[in-house]
C-alpha atoms as a PDB file:
ATOM      1  CA  MET A   1     -31.636  10.842  25.514  1.00  0.00           C
ATOM      2  CA  ASP A   2     -33.014   8.494  23.418  1.00  0.00           C
ATOM      3  CA  GLU A   3     -32.690  11.202  20.618  1.00  0.00           C
ATOM      4  CA  LEU A   4     -29.489  11.914  21.003  1.00  0.00           C
ATOM      5  CA  ARG A   5     -28.659   8.149  21.174  1.00  0.00           C
ATOM      6  CA  ALA A   6     -30.621   8.281  17.468  1.00  0.00           C
ATOM      7  CA  ILE A   7     -28.763  10.803  16.403  1.00  0.00           C
ATOM      8  CA  VAL A   8     -25.229   9.857  16.796  1.00  0.00           C
ATOM      9  CA  SER A   9     -26.048   6.025  16.065  1.00  0.00           C
ATOM     10  CA  GLU A  10     -27.186   7.713  12.551  1.00  0.00           C
ATOM     11  CA  ASN A  11     -24.413  10.126  12.067  1.00  0.00           C
ATOM     12  CA  LEU A  12     -21.539   7.195  12.888  1.00  0.00           C
ATOM     13  CA  SER A  13     -23.196   4.413  10.806  1.00  0.00           C
ATOM     14  CA  SER A  14     -23.562   7.230   8.061  1.00  0.00           C
ATOM     15  CA  LEU A  15     -20.397   8.219   7.918  1.00  0.00           C
ATOM     16  CA  ARG A  16     -18.982   5.035   8.383  1.00  0.00           C
ATOM     17  CA  LYS A  17     -20.195   3.712   5.185  1.00  0.00           C
ATOM     18  CA  ALA A  18     -19.686   7.111   3.503  1.00  0.00           C
ATOM     19  CA  LYS A  19     -15.587   5.822   3.994  1.00  0.00           C
ATOM     20  CA  HIS A  20     -16.736   2.265   2.444  1.00  0.00           C
ATOM     21  CA  LEU A  21     -15.509   0.443   6.203  1.00  0.00           C
ATOM     22  CA  THR A  22     -16.728  -2.563   7.872  1.00  0.00           C
ATOM     23  CA  GLN A  23     -17.582  -2.449  11.127  1.00  0.00           C
ATOM     24  CA  GLN A  24     -14.826  -5.075  11.781  1.00  0.00           C
ATOM     25  CA  GLU A  25     -12.469  -2.644   9.374  1.00  0.00           C
ATOM     26  CA  LEU A  26     -13.466   0.042  11.353  1.00  0.00           C
ATOM     27  CA  ALA A  27     -13.168  -1.236  15.342  1.00  0.00           C
ATOM     28  CA  ASP A  28      -9.462  -2.608  13.980  1.00  0.00           C
ATOM     29  CA  ARG A  29      -8.582   1.295  13.125  1.00  0.00           C
ATOM     30  CA  ILE A  30      -9.689   2.925  16.091  1.00  0.00           C
ATOM     31  CA  GLY A  31      -8.846   0.185  18.232  1.00  0.00           C
ATOM     32  CA  TYR A  32     -12.606  -1.023  20.038  1.00  0.00           C
ATOM     33  CA  SER A  33     -14.379  -4.367  19.736  1.00  0.00           C
ATOM     34  CA  ASP A  34     -16.860  -4.645  16.724  1.00  0.00           C
ATOM     35  CA  LYS A  35     -19.303  -5.236  19.369  1.00  0.00           C
ATOM     36  CA  SER A  36     -18.988  -1.840  20.789  1.00  0.00           C
ATOM     37  CA  VAL A  37     -19.267  -0.007  17.427  1.00  0.00           C
ATOM     38  CA  SER A  38     -22.337  -2.088  16.703  1.00  0.00           C
ATOM     39  CA  LYS A  39     -23.697  -0.973  19.501  1.00  0.00           C
ATOM     40  CA  TRP A  40     -22.853   2.358  19.203  1.00  0.00           C
ATOM     41  CA  GLU A  41     -24.269   2.286  15.576  1.00  0.00           C
ATOM     42  CA  LEU A  42     -27.319   0.773  16.825  1.00  0.00           C
ATOM     43  CA  GLY A  43     -27.932   3.125  19.137  1.00  0.00           C
ATOM     44  CA  LYS A  44     -28.056   0.856  22.103  1.00  0.00           C
ATOM     45  CA  ALA A  45     -25.523   3.211  24.008  1.00  0.00           C
ATOM     46  CA  ILE A  46     -23.300   6.438  23.343  1.00  0.00           C
ATOM     47  CA  PRO A  47     -19.726   6.237  23.473  1.00  0.00           C
ATOM     48  CA  THR A  48     -18.032   8.464  25.927  1.00  0.00           C
ATOM     49  CA  VAL A  49     -16.680  12.010  25.164  1.00  0.00           C
ATOM     50  CA  ASP A  50     -13.405  10.699  24.703  1.00  0.00           C
ATOM     51  CA  ILE A  51     -14.522   8.417  22.305  1.00  0.00           C
ATOM     52  CA  LEU A  52     -16.565  10.252  20.357  1.00  0.00           C
ATOM     53  CA  LYS A  53     -13.897  12.862  20.420  1.00  0.00           C
ATOM     54  CA  GLN A  54     -11.886   9.997  18.831  1.00  0.00           C
ATOM     55  CA  PHE A  55     -14.319   9.352  15.977  1.00  0.00           C
ATOM     56  CA  ALA A  56     -14.133  12.880  15.451  1.00  0.00           C
ATOM     57  CA  ASP A  57     -10.737  12.753  14.509  1.00  0.00           C
ATOM     58  CA  PHE A  58     -10.835   9.829  12.750  1.00  0.00           C
ATOM     59  CA  TYR A  59     -13.871  11.148  10.261  1.00  0.00           C
ATOM     60  CA  GLY A  60     -12.108  14.866  10.366  1.00  0.00           C
ATOM     61  CA  VAL A  61     -15.370  16.470  11.583  1.00  0.00           C
ATOM     62  CA  THR A  62     -15.891  17.845  14.910  1.00  0.00           C
ATOM     63  CA  VAL A  63     -17.845  16.247  18.437  1.00  0.00           C
ATOM     64  CA  ASP A  64     -20.715  18.498  17.798  1.00  0.00           C
ATOM     65  CA  PHE A  65     -21.281  17.512  14.359  1.00  0.00           C
ATOM     66  CA  LEU A  66     -21.343  14.207  15.216  1.00  0.00           C
ATOM     67  CA  ILE A  67     -24.257  14.907  18.201  1.00  0.00           C
ATOM     68  CA  THR A  68     -26.151  17.307  15.994  1.00  0.00           C
ATOM     69  CA  ALA A  69     -28.921  15.866  13.782  1.00  0.00           C
ATOM     70  CA  GLN A  70     -26.929  16.075  10.004  1.00  0.00           C
ATOM     71  CA  SER A  71     -28.452  16.176   6.144  1.00  0.00           C
ATOM     72  CA  ALA A  72     -27.189  13.618   3.835  1.00  0.00           C
ATOM     73  CA  GLN A  73     -25.970  16.657   2.129  1.00  0.00           C
ATOM     74  CA  GLN A  74     -23.730  17.752   5.277  1.00  0.00           C
ATOM     75  CA  ARG A  75     -22.818  14.474   5.948  1.00  0.00           C
ATOM     76  CA  ASP A  76     -21.228  14.664   2.251  1.00  0.00           C
ATOM     77  CA  LYS A  77     -19.945  17.735   2.081  1.00  0.00           C
ATOM     78  CA  ALA A  78     -18.074  16.969   5.687  1.00  0.00           C
ATOM     79  CA  LEU A  79     -16.827  13.866   4.063  1.00  0.00           C
ATOM     80  CA  LYS A  80     -15.412  15.728   0.776  1.00  0.00           C
ATOM     81  CA  GLY A  81     -13.430  18.173   3.247  1.00  0.00           C
ATOM     82  CA  ASP A  82     -12.038  14.990   5.271  1.00  0.00           C
ATOM     83  CA  GLN A  83     -11.117  13.070   1.800  1.00  0.00           C
ATOM     84  CA  LYS A  84      -9.092  16.740   0.565  1.00  0.00           C
ATOM     85  CA  THR A  85      -7.395  16.625   3.824  1.00  0.00           C
ATOM     86  CA  ASN A  86      -6.270  12.708   3.529  1.00  0.00           C
ATOM     87  CA  ASN A  87      -5.026  13.606  -0.171  1.00  0.00           C
ATOM     88  CA  ASN A  88      -2.806  16.398   1.001  1.00  0.00           C
ATOM     89  CA  ARG A  89      -1.274  14.623   3.672  1.00  0.00           C
ATOM     90  CA  ILE A  90      -0.520  11.822   1.418  1.00  0.00           C
ATOM     91  CA  ILE A  91       0.930  13.722  -1.183  1.00  0.00           C
ATOM     92  CA  ILE A  92       3.037  15.462   1.770  1.00  0.00           C
ATOM     93  CA  ILE A  93       4.226  12.058   3.083  1.00  0.00           C
ATOM     94  CA  ALA A  94       5.005  11.357  -0.661  1.00  0.00           C
ATOM     95  CA  MET A  95       6.913  14.325  -1.262  1.00  0.00           C
ATOM     96  CA  VAL A  96       9.219  13.810   2.034  1.00  0.00           C
ATOM     97  CA  ALA A  97      10.116  10.243   0.908  1.00  0.00           C
ATOM     98  CA  THR A  98      11.102  11.409  -2.401  1.00  0.00           C
ATOM     99  CA  PHE A  99      13.214  14.001  -0.894  1.00  0.00           C
ATOM    100  CA  VAL A 100      15.356  11.224   1.211  1.00  0.00           C
ATOM    101  CA  TRP A 101      15.678   9.509  -2.117  1.00  0.00           C
ATOM    102  CA  PHE A 102      16.974  12.817  -3.977  1.00  0.00           C
ATOM    103  CA  THR A 103      19.325  13.608  -0.844  1.00  0.00           C
ATOM    104  CA  ALA A 104      20.601   9.760  -1.203  1.00  0.00           C
ATOM    105  CA  ALA A 105      20.704  10.380  -5.137  1.00  0.00           C
ATOM    106  CA  CYS A 106      22.488  13.727  -4.286  1.00  0.00           C
ATOM    107  CA  VAL A 107      25.356  11.919  -2.341  1.00  0.00           C
ATOM    108  CA  TYR A 108      25.946   9.463  -4.599  1.00  0.00           C
ATOM    109  CA  ALA A 109      26.494  11.675  -7.559  1.00  0.00           C
ATOM    110  CA  SER A 110      28.873  13.929  -5.168  1.00  0.00           C
ATOM    111  CA  SER A 111      30.942  11.148  -4.077  1.00  0.00           C
ATOM    112  CA  ILE A 112      31.285  10.039  -7.883  1.00  0.00           C
ATOM    113  CA  LEU A 113      31.981  13.306  -9.004  1.00  0.00           C
ATOM    114  CA  ASN A 114      34.385  14.388  -6.448  1.00  0.00           C
ATOM    115  CA  GLY A 115      36.254  10.897  -6.229  1.00  0.00           C
ATOM    116  CA  LEU A 116      35.333  10.370  -2.869  1.00  0.00           C
ATOM    117  CA  GLY A 117      34.792   6.398  -4.123  1.00  0.00           C
ATOM    118  CA  ASN A 118      31.078   4.872  -4.606  1.00  0.00           C
ATOM    119  CA  TRP A 119      28.924   5.655  -2.122  1.00  0.00           C
ATOM    120  CA  TRP A 120      26.231   3.527  -3.116  1.00  0.00           C
ATOM    121  CA  SER A 121      25.279   2.907   1.047  1.00  0.00           C
ATOM    122  CA  ALA A 122      23.242   6.159   0.834  1.00  0.00           C
ATOM    123  CA  PHE A 123      20.642   4.347  -1.331  1.00  0.00           C
ATOM    124  CA  VAL A 124      20.712   1.509   1.229  1.00  0.00           C
ATOM    125  CA  TRP A 125      20.543   3.838   4.249  1.00  0.00           C
ATOM    126  CA  ALA A 126      17.981   5.913   2.371  1.00  0.00           C
ATOM    127  CA  ILE A 127      15.221   2.734   2.755  1.00  0.00           C
ATOM    128  CA  PRO A 128      15.319   3.095   6.830  1.00  0.00           C
ATOM    129  CA  ALA A 129      14.992   6.839   6.481  1.00  0.00           C
ATOM    130  CA  SER A 130      12.339   7.082   4.155  1.00  0.00           C
ATOM    131  CA  ILE A 131      10.731   3.983   6.606  1.00  0.00           C
ATOM    132  CA  LEU A 132      11.054   6.107   9.418  1.00  0.00           C
ATOM    133  CA  THR A 133      10.086   9.467   8.246  1.00  0.00           C
ATOM    134  CA  THR A 134       6.917   7.868   6.712  1.00  0.00           C
ATOM    135  CA  GLY A 135       6.065   6.184  10.058  1.00  0.00           C
ATOM    136  CA  PHE A 136       6.353   9.418  11.583  1.00  0.00           C
ATOM    137  CA  LEU A 137       4.336  11.345   9.382  1.00  0.00           C
ATOM    138  CA  ILE A 138       1.562   8.647   9.923  1.00  0.00           C
ATOM    139  CA  PHE A 139       1.791   8.702  13.495  1.00  0.00           C
ATOM    140  CA  TRP A 140       1.431  12.874  12.997  1.00  0.00           C
ATOM    141  CA  PHE A 141      -1.536  13.204  10.700  1.00  0.00           C
ATOM    142  CA  TRP A 142      -3.231   9.856  11.465  1.00  0.00           C
ATOM    143  CA  GLY A 143      -2.751   8.821  15.274  1.00  0.00           C
ATOM    144  CA  LYS A 144      -1.236   5.381  16.197  1.00  0.00           C
ATOM    145  CA  THR A 145      -2.640   3.200  13.411  1.00  0.00           C
ATOM    146  CA  ILE A 146      -1.752  -0.364  12.667  1.00  0.00           C
ATOM    147  CA  ASN A 147       0.220   1.789   9.773  1.00  0.00           C
ATOM    148  CA  PHE A 148       2.650   2.993  12.351  1.00  0.00           C
ATOM    149  CA  TYR A 149       3.223  -0.435  14.158  1.00  0.00           C
ATOM    150  CA  ILE A 150       3.969  -1.467  10.490  1.00  0.00           C
ATOM    151  CA  CYS A 151       6.176   1.082   9.851  1.00  0.00           C
ATOM    152  CA  SER A 152       7.952   1.056  12.803  1.00  0.00           C
ATOM    153  CA  SER A 153       8.500  -2.888  12.597  1.00  0.00           C
ATOM    154  CA  LEU A 154       9.957  -2.280   8.616  1.00  0.00           C
ATOM    155  CA  PHE A 155      12.069   0.246  10.671  1.00  0.00           C
ATOM    156  CA  ILE A 156      13.875  -2.042  12.870  1.00  0.00           C
ATOM    157  CA  TRP A 157      14.619  -4.624  10.236  1.00  0.00           C
ATOM    158  CA  ALA A 158      15.548  -2.131   7.480  1.00  0.00           C
ATOM    159  CA  PHE A 159      17.877  -0.490   9.784  1.00  0.00           C
ATOM    160  CA  LEU A 160      19.544  -3.892  10.765  1.00  0.00           C
ATOM    161  CA  THR A 161      19.786  -4.523   7.314  1.00  0.00           C
ATOM    162  CA  ALA A 162      21.228  -1.403   6.607  1.00  0.00           C
ATOM    163  CA  VAL A 163      23.857  -1.965   9.336  1.00  0.00           C
ATOM    164  CA  CYS A 164      25.020  -5.524   8.309  1.00  0.00           C
ATOM    165  CA  ILE A 165      25.433  -4.251   4.482  1.00  0.00           C
ATOM    166  CA  GLN A 166      27.620  -1.255   5.921  1.00  0.00           C
ATOM    167  CA  LEU A 167      29.613  -3.405   7.940  1.00  0.00           C
ATOM    168  CA  ALA A 168      29.883  -6.036   5.908  1.00  0.00           C
ATOM    169  CA  PHE A 169      32.736  -3.994   3.246  1.00  0.00           C
ATOM    170  CA  TYR A 170      34.865  -3.082   6.375  1.00  0.00           C
ATOM    171  CA  PRO A 171      37.847  -5.390   7.355  1.00  0.00           C
ATOM    172  CA  PRO A 172      37.413  -8.159   8.557  1.00  0.00           C
ATOM    173  CA  HIS A 173      34.803  -8.815   5.801  1.00  0.00           C
ATOM    174  CA  GLN A 174      32.925 -11.274   8.708  1.00  0.00           C
ATOM    175  CA  GLN A 175      29.211 -12.706   8.274  1.00  0.00           C
ATOM    176  CA  LEU A 176      27.005 -10.002  10.761  1.00  0.00           C
ATOM    177  CA  TRP A 177      23.510 -11.833  10.729  1.00  0.00           C
ATOM    178  CA  TYR A 178      23.957 -12.156  14.382  1.00  0.00           C
ATOM    179  CA  ILE A 179      23.168  -8.905  14.383  1.00  0.00           C
ATOM    180  CA  TYR A 180      19.457  -9.300  13.482  1.00  0.00           C
ATOM    181  CA  PHE A 181      19.025 -10.899  17.249  1.00  0.00           C
ATOM    182  CA  VAL A 182      18.999  -7.128  18.334  1.00  0.00           C
ATOM    183  CA  GLY A 183      15.901  -6.880  16.552  1.00  0.00           C
ATOM    184  CA  ILE A 184      14.296  -9.665  18.359  1.00  0.00           C
ATOM    185  CA  PRO A 185      13.432  -8.337  21.606  1.00  0.00           C
ATOM    186  CA  LEU A 186      12.509  -4.788  19.486  1.00  0.00           C
ATOM    187  CA  GLN A 187       9.724  -6.191  17.303  1.00  0.00           C
ATOM    188  CA  ILE A 188       8.243  -8.386  20.490  1.00  0.00           C
ATOM    189  CA  GLY A 189       8.090  -4.883  22.153  1.00  0.00           C
ATOM    190  CA  ILE A 190       6.201  -3.502  19.446  1.00  0.00           C
ATOM    191  CA  ILE A 191       3.676  -6.738  18.834  1.00  0.00           C
ATOM    192  CA  LEU A 192       3.254  -5.718  22.856  1.00  0.00           C
ATOM    193  CA  LEU A 193       2.760  -2.456  22.822  1.00  0.00           C
ATOM    194  CA  ARG A 194       0.190  -2.983  19.883  1.00  0.00           C
ATOM    195  CA  GLY A 195      -1.839  -5.678  22.043  1.00  0.00           C
ATOM    196  CA  TRP A 196      -1.505  -3.507  25.398  1.00  0.00           C
ATOM    197  CA  LYS A 197      -3.022  -0.339  23.029  1.00  0.00           C
ATOM    198  CA  LYS A 198      -6.141  -2.300  22.039  1.00  0.00           C
END
């Protein structure tokens, strides 16, 4: 059992250092305290299977990789594959966001060319749309990290702003700032959900 603890602690510590993360940064990303991370890396305890699975998903390795003695070359090879996967995911997110803005530009150009008026609001709506798609992809690729909660918050306020701007150009032209009150309970819900998940 002591040997297994030593293997797991060495692998966890090496993988974290290879990603240039402090114990606190890692703890924030996976939703545990830095004391727990320290305890696991020092070999004072072994994470449970579900936590090992979470580490494996985070580092892009298998649970078997974490509980098996690894050479430095094997760890480097695993991390290079993980970096390549992350780069591909970032490219996919960028392509989807670009598609959203390209669609907005096409809608705008089409409205001008077909004499349907100036649909500049397509760009306004592209902001919450790109935030929504980015947030969804972050959730899909990396799970519920702090980035997902930030994207959720940004989406709420961008969506409400788009509604305000859109409605401001329809009669009666009123101040619509009060629509932001809808976002307050939603934002509180996101904050509470984040705290509850921790």
